[in-house]
N, C-alpha and C. Protein backbone atom coordinates (compact mmCIF):
# COMPACT_ATOMS: atom_id res chain seq x y z
N MET A 1 187.14 -34.49 -13.56
CA MET A 1 187.64 -33.32 -12.83
C MET A 1 186.77 -33.09 -11.59
N LYS A 2 187.40 -32.80 -10.46
CA LYS A 2 186.68 -32.58 -9.22
C LYS A 2 186.61 -31.09 -8.92
N TYR A 3 185.40 -30.59 -8.70
CA TYR A 3 185.21 -29.16 -8.54
C TYR A 3 185.01 -28.72 -7.08
N GLU A 4 184.76 -29.68 -6.19
CA GLU A 4 184.53 -29.36 -4.78
C GLU A 4 183.40 -28.33 -4.63
N ILE A 5 182.29 -28.63 -5.26
CA ILE A 5 181.12 -27.74 -5.19
C ILE A 5 180.03 -28.39 -4.35
N GLU A 6 179.51 -27.65 -3.39
CA GLU A 6 178.42 -28.15 -2.56
C GLU A 6 177.13 -27.44 -2.96
N LEU A 7 176.19 -28.19 -3.47
CA LEU A 7 174.93 -27.64 -3.93
C LEU A 7 173.76 -28.33 -3.22
N ILE A 8 172.66 -27.60 -3.13
CA ILE A 8 171.43 -28.14 -2.54
C ILE A 8 170.34 -28.11 -3.60
N VAL A 9 169.71 -29.22 -3.84
CA VAL A 9 168.63 -29.30 -4.83
C VAL A 9 167.39 -28.63 -4.25
N VAL A 10 166.80 -27.70 -5.01
CA VAL A 10 165.57 -27.03 -4.59
C VAL A 10 164.60 -27.07 -5.77
N GLY A 11 163.47 -26.41 -5.62
CA GLY A 11 162.52 -26.28 -6.73
C GLY A 11 161.85 -27.58 -7.13
N GLY A 12 161.48 -27.64 -8.42
CA GLY A 12 160.69 -28.77 -8.92
C GLY A 12 161.39 -30.10 -8.82
N LEU A 13 162.73 -30.12 -9.00
CA LEU A 13 163.45 -31.39 -8.94
C LEU A 13 163.37 -32.01 -7.54
N SER A 14 163.41 -31.18 -6.52
CA SER A 14 163.30 -31.70 -5.15
C SER A 14 161.93 -32.35 -4.94
N VAL A 15 160.89 -31.74 -5.52
CA VAL A 15 159.55 -32.33 -5.43
C VAL A 15 159.51 -33.66 -6.18
N GLU A 16 160.16 -33.73 -7.34
CA GLU A 16 160.21 -34.97 -8.12
C GLU A 16 160.89 -36.09 -7.34
N ILE A 17 161.96 -35.73 -6.63
CA ILE A 17 162.68 -36.74 -5.84
C ILE A 17 161.82 -37.26 -4.69
N TYR A 18 161.18 -36.35 -3.98
CA TYR A 18 160.36 -36.75 -2.83
C TYR A 18 159.12 -37.54 -3.25
N THR A 19 158.63 -37.29 -4.45
CA THR A 19 157.42 -38.00 -4.92
C THR A 19 157.75 -39.21 -5.78
N ASP A 20 159.06 -39.55 -5.85
CA ASP A 20 159.50 -40.70 -6.66
C ASP A 20 159.01 -40.61 -8.10
N GLY A 21 159.07 -39.41 -8.66
CA GLY A 21 158.68 -39.22 -10.05
C GLY A 21 157.22 -38.94 -10.26
N GLY A 22 156.46 -38.80 -9.17
CA GLY A 22 155.05 -38.46 -9.30
C GLY A 22 154.86 -37.08 -9.89
N TYR A 23 155.85 -36.24 -9.67
CA TYR A 23 155.90 -34.91 -10.29
C TYR A 23 157.20 -34.87 -11.08
N THR A 24 157.16 -34.43 -12.33
CA THR A 24 158.37 -34.40 -13.16
C THR A 24 158.66 -32.99 -13.64
N THR A 25 159.95 -32.74 -13.89
CA THR A 25 160.37 -31.44 -14.37
C THR A 25 161.65 -31.60 -15.17
N GLN A 26 161.88 -30.69 -16.10
CA GLN A 26 163.13 -30.66 -16.85
C GLN A 26 164.04 -29.55 -16.36
N ASP A 27 163.55 -28.81 -15.38
CA ASP A 27 164.34 -27.73 -14.79
C ASP A 27 165.03 -28.23 -13.53
N ILE A 28 166.29 -27.90 -13.37
CA ILE A 28 167.04 -28.26 -12.17
C ILE A 28 167.48 -26.98 -11.49
N ASP A 29 167.05 -26.81 -10.26
CA ASP A 29 167.42 -25.63 -9.47
C ASP A 29 168.32 -26.05 -8.33
N PHE A 30 169.47 -25.39 -8.23
CA PHE A 30 170.40 -25.62 -7.14
C PHE A 30 170.58 -24.32 -6.36
N VAL A 31 170.92 -24.45 -5.09
CA VAL A 31 171.36 -23.31 -4.30
C VAL A 31 172.77 -23.62 -3.82
N GLY A 32 173.68 -22.67 -3.99
CA GLY A 32 175.05 -22.91 -3.55
C GLY A 32 175.96 -21.74 -3.88
N VAL A 33 177.09 -21.67 -3.19
CA VAL A 33 178.05 -20.58 -3.40
C VAL A 33 178.95 -20.93 -4.58
N GLY A 34 179.64 -19.92 -5.11
CA GLY A 34 180.57 -20.14 -6.21
C GLY A 34 179.88 -20.29 -7.55
N HIS A 35 179.09 -19.28 -7.91
CA HIS A 35 178.30 -19.36 -9.15
C HIS A 35 179.20 -19.55 -10.37
N GLU A 36 180.33 -18.87 -10.42
CA GLU A 36 181.23 -18.99 -11.57
C GLU A 36 181.80 -20.40 -11.68
N LYS A 37 182.13 -20.99 -10.52
CA LYS A 37 182.66 -22.34 -10.52
C LYS A 37 181.61 -23.33 -11.01
N VAL A 38 180.35 -23.11 -10.59
CA VAL A 38 179.26 -23.98 -11.03
C VAL A 38 179.06 -23.85 -12.54
N THR A 39 179.08 -22.61 -13.04
CA THR A 39 178.90 -22.37 -14.47
C THR A 39 180.00 -23.05 -15.28
N THR A 40 181.23 -22.97 -14.78
CA THR A 40 182.35 -23.63 -15.46
C THR A 40 182.15 -25.14 -15.51
N ALA A 41 181.72 -25.71 -14.39
CA ALA A 41 181.48 -27.15 -14.32
C ALA A 41 180.39 -27.57 -15.30
N LEU A 42 179.33 -26.76 -15.39
CA LEU A 42 178.23 -27.08 -16.30
C LEU A 42 178.68 -26.99 -17.76
N LYS A 43 179.53 -26.00 -18.07
CA LYS A 43 180.05 -25.89 -19.44
C LYS A 43 180.85 -27.13 -19.80
N ASP A 44 181.64 -27.65 -18.85
CA ASP A 44 182.42 -28.85 -19.09
C ASP A 44 181.53 -30.06 -19.32
N LEU A 45 180.30 -29.99 -18.82
CA LEU A 45 179.35 -31.09 -19.00
C LEU A 45 178.50 -30.90 -20.25
N GLY A 46 178.77 -29.84 -21.01
CA GLY A 46 178.05 -29.64 -22.26
C GLY A 46 176.92 -28.64 -22.21
N PHE A 47 176.81 -27.91 -21.09
CA PHE A 47 175.76 -26.90 -20.97
C PHE A 47 176.21 -25.58 -21.58
N ILE A 48 175.25 -24.84 -22.10
CA ILE A 48 175.51 -23.52 -22.66
C ILE A 48 174.82 -22.49 -21.77
N SER A 49 175.55 -21.45 -21.42
CA SER A 49 175.01 -20.42 -20.55
C SER A 49 174.11 -19.46 -21.32
N HIS A 50 172.88 -19.27 -20.82
CA HIS A 50 171.92 -18.32 -21.40
C HIS A 50 171.38 -17.46 -20.26
N GLY A 51 172.05 -16.32 -20.02
CA GLY A 51 171.63 -15.48 -18.91
C GLY A 51 171.83 -16.18 -17.58
N LYS A 52 170.76 -16.30 -16.81
CA LYS A 52 170.86 -16.96 -15.51
C LYS A 52 170.73 -18.46 -15.62
N ASP A 53 170.38 -18.96 -16.80
CA ASP A 53 170.19 -20.39 -17.00
C ASP A 53 171.36 -21.01 -17.74
N SER A 54 171.55 -22.30 -17.51
CA SER A 54 172.48 -23.10 -18.30
C SER A 54 171.66 -24.21 -18.94
N ILE A 55 171.80 -24.36 -20.26
CA ILE A 55 170.94 -25.27 -21.01
C ILE A 55 171.77 -26.31 -21.73
N HIS A 56 171.34 -27.56 -21.60
CA HIS A 56 171.95 -28.64 -22.36
C HIS A 56 171.03 -28.92 -23.55
N GLU A 57 171.45 -28.50 -24.73
CA GLU A 57 170.60 -28.57 -25.91
C GLU A 57 170.18 -30.00 -26.24
N GLU A 58 171.10 -30.96 -26.12
CA GLU A 58 170.80 -32.33 -26.50
C GLU A 58 169.86 -33.00 -25.51
N LEU A 59 170.12 -32.81 -24.23
CA LEU A 59 169.30 -33.45 -23.19
C LEU A 59 168.06 -32.64 -22.85
N LYS A 60 168.01 -31.38 -23.32
CA LYS A 60 166.87 -30.49 -23.02
C LYS A 60 166.69 -30.31 -21.52
N ILE A 61 167.79 -30.06 -20.84
CA ILE A 61 167.78 -29.86 -19.39
C ILE A 61 168.20 -28.42 -19.10
N TYR A 62 167.48 -27.78 -18.19
CA TYR A 62 167.75 -26.40 -17.82
C TYR A 62 168.19 -26.35 -16.36
N VAL A 63 169.31 -25.70 -16.11
CA VAL A 63 169.85 -25.59 -14.75
C VAL A 63 169.90 -24.12 -14.35
N GLU A 64 169.44 -23.85 -13.15
CA GLU A 64 169.50 -22.47 -12.64
C GLU A 64 170.00 -22.50 -11.20
N ILE A 65 170.81 -21.51 -10.84
CA ILE A 65 171.27 -21.32 -9.46
C ILE A 65 170.60 -20.04 -8.97
N PRO A 66 169.39 -20.13 -8.41
CA PRO A 66 168.64 -18.92 -8.05
C PRO A 66 169.26 -18.11 -6.92
N ASP A 67 170.05 -18.77 -6.06
CA ASP A 67 170.63 -18.05 -4.93
C ASP A 67 171.82 -18.83 -4.39
N SER A 68 172.60 -18.16 -3.54
CA SER A 68 173.76 -18.81 -2.95
C SER A 68 173.43 -19.47 -1.62
N VAL A 69 172.34 -19.09 -1.00
CA VAL A 69 171.93 -19.67 0.28
C VAL A 69 170.42 -19.94 0.26
N LEU A 70 169.99 -20.84 1.13
CA LEU A 70 168.57 -21.11 1.29
C LEU A 70 167.94 -19.98 2.10
N LYS A 71 166.95 -19.33 1.53
CA LYS A 71 166.27 -18.25 2.24
C LYS A 71 164.96 -18.76 2.83
N ASP A 72 164.65 -18.28 4.03
CA ASP A 72 163.40 -18.66 4.70
C ASP A 72 163.29 -20.18 4.84
N SER A 73 164.42 -20.84 5.02
CA SER A 73 164.43 -22.29 5.16
C SER A 73 165.31 -22.66 6.35
N ASN A 74 165.11 -23.86 6.86
CA ASN A 74 165.87 -24.34 8.01
C ASN A 74 166.84 -25.43 7.56
N SER A 75 168.13 -25.19 7.77
CA SER A 75 169.15 -26.13 7.30
C SER A 75 169.03 -27.50 7.96
N LYS A 76 168.40 -27.57 9.13
CA LYS A 76 168.30 -28.87 9.82
C LYS A 76 167.38 -29.84 9.08
N TYR A 77 166.56 -29.31 8.17
CA TYR A 77 165.65 -30.17 7.41
C TYR A 77 166.29 -30.70 6.12
N ILE A 78 167.49 -30.20 5.78
CA ILE A 78 168.15 -30.65 4.55
C ILE A 78 168.40 -32.16 4.62
N LYS A 79 168.02 -32.85 3.56
CA LYS A 79 168.17 -34.30 3.52
C LYS A 79 169.31 -34.66 2.57
N THR A 80 170.12 -35.64 2.97
CA THR A 80 171.21 -36.12 2.12
C THR A 80 170.93 -37.56 1.72
N MET A 81 171.04 -37.84 0.43
CA MET A 81 170.84 -39.20 -0.06
C MET A 81 171.94 -39.55 -1.06
N ASP A 82 172.19 -40.83 -1.23
CA ASP A 82 173.21 -41.29 -2.17
C ASP A 82 172.57 -41.62 -3.51
N THR A 83 173.22 -41.16 -4.59
CA THR A 83 172.73 -41.47 -5.93
C THR A 83 173.25 -42.84 -6.37
N GLN A 84 172.72 -43.33 -7.47
CA GLN A 84 173.16 -44.62 -8.00
C GLN A 84 174.62 -44.59 -8.43
N ASP A 85 175.14 -43.38 -8.70
CA ASP A 85 176.54 -43.24 -9.10
C ASP A 85 177.47 -43.09 -7.91
N GLY A 86 176.88 -43.14 -6.69
CA GLY A 86 177.71 -43.05 -5.50
C GLY A 86 178.01 -41.65 -5.01
N PHE A 87 177.23 -40.66 -5.53
CA PHE A 87 177.40 -39.29 -5.08
C PHE A 87 176.41 -38.97 -3.96
N ALA A 88 176.81 -38.06 -3.07
CA ALA A 88 175.92 -37.59 -2.01
C ALA A 88 175.14 -36.40 -2.53
N LEU A 89 173.83 -36.45 -2.40
CA LEU A 89 172.95 -35.40 -2.94
C LEU A 89 172.21 -34.73 -1.79
N SER A 90 172.37 -33.42 -1.67
CA SER A 90 171.68 -32.65 -0.62
C SER A 90 170.40 -32.06 -1.21
N ILE A 91 169.29 -32.22 -0.49
CA ILE A 91 167.99 -31.76 -0.98
C ILE A 91 167.32 -30.91 0.10
N ILE A 92 166.70 -29.85 -0.33
CA ILE A 92 165.93 -29.01 0.60
C ILE A 92 164.92 -29.87 1.33
N GLY A 93 164.70 -29.58 2.61
CA GLY A 93 163.78 -30.38 3.40
C GLY A 93 162.35 -30.31 2.89
N ILE A 94 161.63 -31.41 3.00
CA ILE A 94 160.25 -31.43 2.53
C ILE A 94 159.39 -30.44 3.32
N GLU A 95 159.78 -30.21 4.59
CA GLU A 95 159.03 -29.24 5.40
C GLU A 95 159.10 -27.84 4.79
N ASP A 96 160.30 -27.48 4.30
CA ASP A 96 160.47 -26.16 3.67
C ASP A 96 159.79 -26.09 2.30
N ILE A 97 159.74 -27.22 1.60
CA ILE A 97 159.02 -27.25 0.31
C ILE A 97 157.55 -26.95 0.55
N ILE A 98 156.97 -27.60 1.56
CA ILE A 98 155.55 -27.40 1.87
C ILE A 98 155.30 -25.93 2.24
N LYS A 99 156.18 -25.36 3.08
CA LYS A 99 156.02 -23.96 3.48
C LYS A 99 156.12 -23.04 2.27
N ASP A 100 157.07 -23.35 1.36
CA ASP A 100 157.24 -22.53 0.16
C ASP A 100 156.01 -22.60 -0.73
N ARG A 101 155.43 -23.82 -0.88
CA ARG A 101 154.24 -23.97 -1.73
C ARG A 101 153.05 -23.23 -1.11
N ILE A 102 152.94 -23.27 0.20
CA ILE A 102 151.84 -22.55 0.88
C ILE A 102 152.00 -21.05 0.68
N ARG A 103 153.25 -20.56 0.84
CA ARG A 103 153.50 -19.12 0.64
C ARG A 103 153.16 -18.71 -0.79
N ALA A 104 153.58 -19.55 -1.75
CA ALA A 104 153.31 -19.24 -3.16
C ALA A 104 151.81 -19.19 -3.42
N LEU A 105 151.06 -20.12 -2.81
CA LEU A 105 149.61 -20.15 -2.99
C LEU A 105 148.96 -18.91 -2.41
N LEU A 106 149.42 -18.51 -1.21
CA LEU A 106 148.86 -17.32 -0.56
C LEU A 106 149.16 -16.07 -1.37
N TYR A 107 150.41 -15.94 -1.88
CA TYR A 107 150.77 -14.78 -2.68
C TYR A 107 149.96 -14.75 -3.97
N PHE A 108 149.73 -15.95 -4.57
CA PHE A 108 148.97 -16.01 -5.81
C PHE A 108 147.53 -15.59 -5.57
N LYS A 109 146.95 -16.07 -4.47
CA LYS A 109 145.57 -15.68 -4.14
C LYS A 109 145.48 -14.18 -3.90
N GLU A 110 146.50 -13.64 -3.21
CA GLU A 110 146.51 -12.20 -2.96
C GLU A 110 146.62 -11.44 -4.27
N PHE A 111 147.45 -11.95 -5.19
CA PHE A 111 147.60 -11.32 -6.50
C PHE A 111 146.27 -11.32 -7.26
N LEU A 112 145.54 -12.46 -7.21
CA LEU A 112 144.26 -12.55 -7.92
C LEU A 112 143.25 -11.56 -7.36
N ILE A 113 143.24 -11.42 -6.03
CA ILE A 113 142.32 -10.48 -5.39
C ILE A 113 142.62 -9.06 -5.85
N ILE A 114 143.91 -8.69 -5.87
CA ILE A 114 144.31 -7.35 -6.29
C ILE A 114 143.97 -7.13 -7.76
N ALA A 115 144.27 -8.15 -8.59
CA ALA A 115 144.00 -8.04 -10.03
C ALA A 115 142.51 -7.86 -10.30
N ARG A 116 141.68 -8.63 -9.59
CA ARG A 116 140.22 -8.50 -9.76
C ARG A 116 139.75 -7.11 -9.36
N GLU A 117 140.32 -6.59 -8.26
CA GLU A 117 139.92 -5.27 -7.76
C GLU A 117 140.31 -4.18 -8.75
N VAL A 118 141.52 -4.29 -9.30
CA VAL A 118 142.00 -3.30 -10.27
C VAL A 118 141.12 -3.31 -11.52
N ASN A 119 140.81 -4.51 -12.03
CA ASN A 119 139.97 -4.62 -13.23
C ASN A 119 138.56 -4.10 -12.96
N ARG A 120 138.05 -4.38 -11.78
CA ARG A 120 136.71 -3.91 -11.40
C ARG A 120 136.68 -2.38 -11.36
N ASN A 121 137.71 -1.79 -10.76
CA ASN A 121 137.77 -0.33 -10.67
C ASN A 121 137.95 0.32 -12.04
N LYS A 122 138.73 -0.35 -12.89
CA LYS A 122 138.95 0.18 -14.24
C LYS A 122 137.65 0.19 -15.03
N LEU A 123 136.86 -0.87 -14.89
CA LEU A 123 135.57 -0.94 -15.57
C LEU A 123 134.61 0.11 -15.03
N SER A 124 134.64 0.33 -13.71
CA SER A 124 133.79 1.35 -13.10
C SER A 124 134.13 2.74 -13.65
N GLN A 125 135.41 3.01 -13.78
CA GLN A 125 135.84 4.31 -14.31
C GLN A 125 135.36 4.47 -15.75
N PHE A 126 135.47 3.42 -16.54
CA PHE A 126 135.04 3.46 -17.94
C PHE A 126 133.54 3.73 -18.04
N LYS A 127 132.74 3.04 -17.21
CA LYS A 127 131.29 3.24 -17.21
C LYS A 127 130.93 4.66 -16.79
N PHE A 128 131.68 5.18 -15.82
CA PHE A 128 131.42 6.52 -15.32
C PHE A 128 131.69 7.56 -16.42
N ILE A 129 132.76 7.41 -17.15
CA ILE A 129 133.08 8.33 -18.24
C ILE A 129 132.02 8.23 -19.33
N GLN A 130 131.56 7.02 -19.63
CA GLN A 130 130.48 6.85 -20.60
C GLN A 130 129.23 7.61 -20.17
N PHE A 131 128.91 7.52 -18.89
CA PHE A 131 127.74 8.22 -18.35
C PHE A 131 127.88 9.73 -18.52
N LEU A 132 129.06 10.26 -18.22
CA LEU A 132 129.28 11.70 -18.36
C LEU A 132 129.10 12.14 -19.81
N ASP A 133 129.58 11.31 -20.73
CA ASP A 133 129.42 11.62 -22.16
C ASP A 133 127.95 11.61 -22.56
N GLU A 134 127.23 10.57 -22.11
CA GLU A 134 125.81 10.45 -22.47
C GLU A 134 124.98 11.59 -21.90
N GLN A 135 125.33 12.02 -20.68
CA GLN A 135 124.58 13.09 -20.02
C GLN A 135 125.08 14.48 -20.41
N GLU A 136 126.12 14.51 -21.25
CA GLU A 136 126.72 15.76 -21.70
C GLU A 136 127.17 16.63 -20.52
N ILE A 137 127.77 15.95 -19.54
CA ILE A 137 128.34 16.65 -18.39
C ILE A 137 129.81 16.94 -18.72
N PRO A 138 130.21 18.20 -18.78
CA PRO A 138 131.59 18.54 -19.15
C PRO A 138 132.59 17.98 -18.13
N TYR A 139 133.68 17.44 -18.64
CA TYR A 139 134.73 16.92 -17.76
C TYR A 139 136.05 16.93 -18.52
N THR A 140 137.12 16.80 -17.77
CA THR A 140 138.46 16.65 -18.35
C THR A 140 139.14 15.49 -17.65
N LEU A 141 139.78 14.62 -18.42
CA LEU A 141 140.48 13.48 -17.85
C LEU A 141 141.94 13.86 -17.63
N ILE A 142 142.36 13.87 -16.36
CA ILE A 142 143.71 14.27 -15.99
C ILE A 142 144.55 13.03 -15.69
N ASN A 143 145.69 12.91 -16.33
CA ASN A 143 146.62 11.79 -16.09
C ASN A 143 145.95 10.43 -16.26
N LYS A 144 144.91 10.39 -17.10
CA LYS A 144 144.19 9.15 -17.42
C LYS A 144 143.45 8.54 -16.23
N THR A 145 143.42 9.23 -15.09
CA THR A 145 142.75 8.65 -13.91
C THR A 145 141.81 9.62 -13.21
N ILE A 146 142.14 10.90 -13.19
CA ILE A 146 141.33 11.88 -12.45
C ILE A 146 140.33 12.54 -13.40
N ILE A 147 139.05 12.42 -13.05
CA ILE A 147 138.00 13.05 -13.84
C ILE A 147 137.71 14.42 -13.21
N SER A 148 138.07 15.46 -13.93
CA SER A 148 137.93 16.82 -13.42
C SER A 148 136.57 17.39 -13.84
N LEU A 149 135.80 17.86 -12.86
CA LEU A 149 134.49 18.46 -13.10
C LEU A 149 134.54 19.93 -12.67
N ALA A 150 134.15 20.81 -13.57
CA ALA A 150 134.19 22.24 -13.28
C ALA A 150 133.03 22.63 -12.37
N THR A 151 133.31 23.59 -11.45
CA THR A 151 132.27 24.06 -10.53
C THR A 151 132.14 25.58 -10.59
N GLY A 152 132.32 26.14 -11.75
CA GLY A 152 132.26 27.60 -11.88
C GLY A 152 133.64 28.19 -11.82
N ASP A 153 134.09 28.50 -10.59
CA ASP A 153 135.41 29.10 -10.44
C ASP A 153 136.46 28.11 -9.94
N SER A 154 136.09 26.84 -9.82
CA SER A 154 137.04 25.84 -9.34
C SER A 154 136.72 24.48 -9.96
N TYR A 155 137.31 23.41 -9.39
CA TYR A 155 137.12 22.07 -9.93
C TYR A 155 137.09 21.04 -8.80
N TYR A 156 136.42 19.93 -9.08
CA TYR A 156 136.52 18.74 -8.22
C TYR A 156 137.14 17.64 -9.07
N GLY A 157 137.92 16.82 -8.44
CA GLY A 157 138.48 15.66 -9.13
C GLY A 157 137.90 14.39 -8.55
N ILE A 158 137.48 13.46 -9.40
CA ILE A 158 136.92 12.18 -8.97
C ILE A 158 137.68 11.06 -9.66
N SER A 159 138.01 10.04 -8.92
CA SER A 159 138.69 8.90 -9.52
C SER A 159 138.11 7.60 -8.96
N LEU A 160 137.77 6.69 -9.87
CA LEU A 160 137.33 5.34 -9.47
C LEU A 160 138.39 4.30 -9.82
N PHE A 161 139.44 4.75 -10.53
CA PHE A 161 140.54 3.87 -10.91
C PHE A 161 141.86 4.63 -10.81
N PRO A 162 142.90 4.07 -10.22
CA PRO A 162 142.97 2.69 -9.72
C PRO A 162 142.30 2.47 -8.37
N PHE A 163 141.84 3.55 -7.75
CA PHE A 163 141.10 3.43 -6.48
C PHE A 163 140.16 4.62 -6.35
N ASN A 164 139.24 4.53 -5.40
CA ASN A 164 138.28 5.62 -5.17
C ASN A 164 138.97 6.80 -4.49
N MET A 165 138.77 7.99 -5.06
CA MET A 165 139.36 9.17 -4.44
C MET A 165 138.68 10.44 -4.92
N ILE A 166 138.56 11.41 -4.02
CA ILE A 166 138.12 12.76 -4.35
C ILE A 166 139.35 13.67 -4.27
N TYR A 167 139.45 14.58 -5.25
CA TYR A 167 140.59 15.50 -5.28
C TYR A 167 140.12 16.94 -5.19
N HIS A 168 140.87 17.73 -4.43
CA HIS A 168 140.60 19.16 -4.35
C HIS A 168 141.54 19.89 -5.31
N TYR A 169 141.01 20.89 -5.98
CA TYR A 169 141.83 21.68 -6.90
C TYR A 169 142.50 22.80 -6.13
N GLU A 170 143.83 22.86 -6.21
CA GLU A 170 144.59 23.92 -5.55
C GLU A 170 145.59 24.49 -6.57
N HIS A 171 145.34 25.71 -7.01
CA HIS A 171 146.13 26.29 -8.09
C HIS A 171 147.55 26.64 -7.67
N ASP A 172 147.81 26.72 -6.36
CA ASP A 172 149.13 27.15 -5.90
C ASP A 172 150.07 25.98 -5.59
N VAL A 173 149.66 24.76 -5.95
CA VAL A 173 150.55 23.61 -5.76
C VAL A 173 150.88 23.01 -7.13
N GLU A 174 151.99 22.30 -7.20
CA GLU A 174 152.50 21.81 -8.49
C GLU A 174 151.55 20.83 -9.15
N GLU A 175 150.94 19.93 -8.38
CA GLU A 175 150.10 18.89 -8.96
C GLU A 175 148.66 19.35 -9.20
N TYR A 176 148.28 20.48 -8.66
CA TYR A 176 146.94 21.07 -8.81
C TYR A 176 145.86 20.26 -8.09
N PHE A 177 145.70 18.98 -8.45
CA PHE A 177 144.68 18.16 -7.81
C PHE A 177 145.30 17.37 -6.64
N VAL A 178 144.82 17.69 -5.46
CA VAL A 178 145.36 17.09 -4.23
C VAL A 178 144.34 16.11 -3.65
N PRO A 179 144.72 14.87 -3.37
CA PRO A 179 143.77 13.90 -2.82
C PRO A 179 143.21 14.34 -1.48
N ALA A 180 141.93 14.03 -1.27
CA ALA A 180 141.25 14.45 -0.03
C ALA A 180 141.79 13.72 1.19
N LYS A 181 142.40 12.55 1.00
CA LYS A 181 142.99 11.82 2.12
C LYS A 181 144.18 11.02 1.60
N GLU A 182 145.00 10.54 2.52
CA GLU A 182 146.24 9.88 2.14
C GLU A 182 146.01 8.48 1.59
N GLU A 183 145.04 7.76 2.17
CA GLU A 183 144.77 6.39 1.71
C GLU A 183 143.51 6.36 0.85
N PRO A 184 143.35 5.32 0.02
CA PRO A 184 142.15 5.23 -0.83
C PRO A 184 140.86 5.34 -0.03
N MET A 185 139.87 5.96 -0.64
CA MET A 185 138.57 6.14 0.02
C MET A 185 137.73 4.88 -0.08
N GLU A 186 136.96 4.63 0.95
CA GLU A 186 135.91 3.63 0.85
C GLU A 186 134.80 4.22 -0.02
N PHE A 187 134.02 3.35 -0.64
CA PHE A 187 133.00 3.84 -1.56
C PHE A 187 132.00 4.76 -0.86
N ASN A 188 131.60 4.38 0.35
CA ASN A 188 130.62 5.21 1.07
C ASN A 188 131.18 6.60 1.42
N GLU A 189 132.51 6.68 1.60
CA GLU A 189 133.15 7.98 1.86
C GLU A 189 133.05 8.86 0.62
N LEU A 190 133.30 8.25 -0.54
CA LEU A 190 133.24 9.00 -1.79
C LEU A 190 131.84 9.54 -2.04
N VAL A 191 130.84 8.69 -1.84
CA VAL A 191 129.44 9.10 -2.05
C VAL A 191 129.05 10.19 -1.06
N LYS A 192 129.47 10.03 0.19
CA LYS A 192 129.16 11.03 1.22
C LYS A 192 129.72 12.40 0.84
N PHE A 193 130.92 12.42 0.29
CA PHE A 193 131.52 13.68 -0.12
C PHE A 193 130.75 14.28 -1.30
N LEU A 194 130.39 13.43 -2.27
CA LEU A 194 129.67 13.93 -3.45
C LEU A 194 128.32 14.53 -3.07
N LYS A 195 127.68 13.97 -2.06
CA LYS A 195 126.37 14.47 -1.63
C LYS A 195 126.44 15.87 -1.04
N GLN A 196 127.66 16.30 -0.69
CA GLN A 196 127.82 17.65 -0.14
C GLN A 196 127.92 18.71 -1.26
N ILE A 197 128.10 18.24 -2.48
CA ILE A 197 128.22 19.17 -3.62
C ILE A 197 126.82 19.64 -4.04
N LYS A 198 126.68 20.90 -4.23
CA LYS A 198 125.38 21.47 -4.59
C LYS A 198 125.14 21.40 -6.09
N VAL A 199 123.88 21.37 -6.46
CA VAL A 199 123.51 21.34 -7.88
C VAL A 199 124.01 22.60 -8.58
N SER A 200 124.10 23.69 -7.84
CA SER A 200 124.58 24.94 -8.42
C SER A 200 126.06 24.86 -8.79
N GLU A 201 126.77 23.91 -8.16
CA GLU A 201 128.20 23.74 -8.46
C GLU A 201 128.40 22.79 -9.64
N ILE A 202 127.73 21.64 -9.60
CA ILE A 202 127.84 20.65 -10.68
C ILE A 202 126.43 20.24 -11.09
N LYS A 203 126.09 20.50 -12.33
CA LYS A 203 124.77 20.12 -12.81
C LYS A 203 124.64 18.60 -12.81
N LYS A 204 123.44 18.15 -12.53
CA LYS A 204 123.13 16.72 -12.52
C LYS A 204 123.97 15.94 -11.51
N ILE A 205 124.34 16.61 -10.42
CA ILE A 205 125.15 15.93 -9.40
C ILE A 205 124.39 14.76 -8.79
N ASN A 206 123.06 14.92 -8.65
CA ASN A 206 122.26 13.83 -8.07
C ASN A 206 122.22 12.62 -8.99
N GLU A 207 122.06 12.87 -10.29
CA GLU A 207 122.08 11.76 -11.26
C GLU A 207 123.45 11.09 -11.26
N LEU A 208 124.49 11.89 -11.09
CA LEU A 208 125.85 11.37 -11.07
C LEU A 208 126.05 10.45 -9.88
N ILE A 209 125.58 10.87 -8.72
CA ILE A 209 125.70 10.05 -7.50
C ILE A 209 124.91 8.76 -7.65
N GLU A 210 123.72 8.88 -8.19
CA GLU A 210 122.87 7.70 -8.38
C GLU A 210 123.55 6.69 -9.31
N PHE A 211 124.16 7.18 -10.38
CA PHE A 211 124.80 6.28 -11.33
C PHE A 211 126.01 5.59 -10.71
N ILE A 212 126.82 6.35 -9.98
CA ILE A 212 127.99 5.74 -9.31
C ILE A 212 127.55 4.66 -8.33
N SER A 213 126.45 4.92 -7.63
CA SER A 213 125.92 3.92 -6.69
C SER A 213 125.46 2.66 -7.43
N LEU A 214 124.87 2.83 -8.59
CA LEU A 214 124.43 1.69 -9.40
C LEU A 214 125.62 0.86 -9.86
N ILE A 215 126.71 1.55 -10.20
CA ILE A 215 127.93 0.85 -10.61
C ILE A 215 128.43 -0.04 -9.48
N GLU A 216 128.46 0.52 -8.30
CA GLU A 216 128.95 -0.23 -7.12
C GLU A 216 128.06 -1.40 -6.83
N ASP A 217 126.75 -1.22 -6.94
CA ASP A 217 125.80 -2.30 -6.64
C ASP A 217 125.89 -3.43 -7.65
N SER A 218 126.26 -3.10 -8.90
CA SER A 218 126.30 -4.12 -9.94
C SER A 218 127.58 -4.94 -9.93
N GLU A 219 128.61 -4.46 -9.18
CA GLU A 219 129.89 -5.18 -9.19
C GLU A 219 129.86 -6.37 -8.24
């Protein structure tokens, strides 16, 4: 049966083709229009549809149509080659594969940097709460992130996770604790603000500042 379907090989299979099997995969990714027509053709070939994937249980081959068009790619780089069965096979250009791999690497590195920063800040917050407990400094944890410290007739909010921030207590607003600035604070900004707090407002404020500084130095 002829389906008149035009597909472009992308993903791992395209890398396998260009490397002559130096890289292997059991996943086949195509880009092309007419998803329902493609699914029907795959069913006729013995594939079973599982969500976005079509799986051939006997051959252990997985087929996915991630999109109908090539995104962030240049069609002039598409390569056409003939298979041993006499079919014409369109493959994403190697230039676009390289660009895609570079983008993926950059995004992954960016993700690792963010993940490390989040974990570092979470550990800093945990150490800070431990310090408050050990020093018997009264506090309340608001929304699992804001550490509220009483100052007599008001409160200060401090957060080291997910980012550094000082909060002002305002009883006439819905959220009560309002961030001192719109974007996350640099560590030196946070310390500078804390140094303005008097001992009469928060007991052991100097010890608190010293401990926070030690946390930053140890990271």
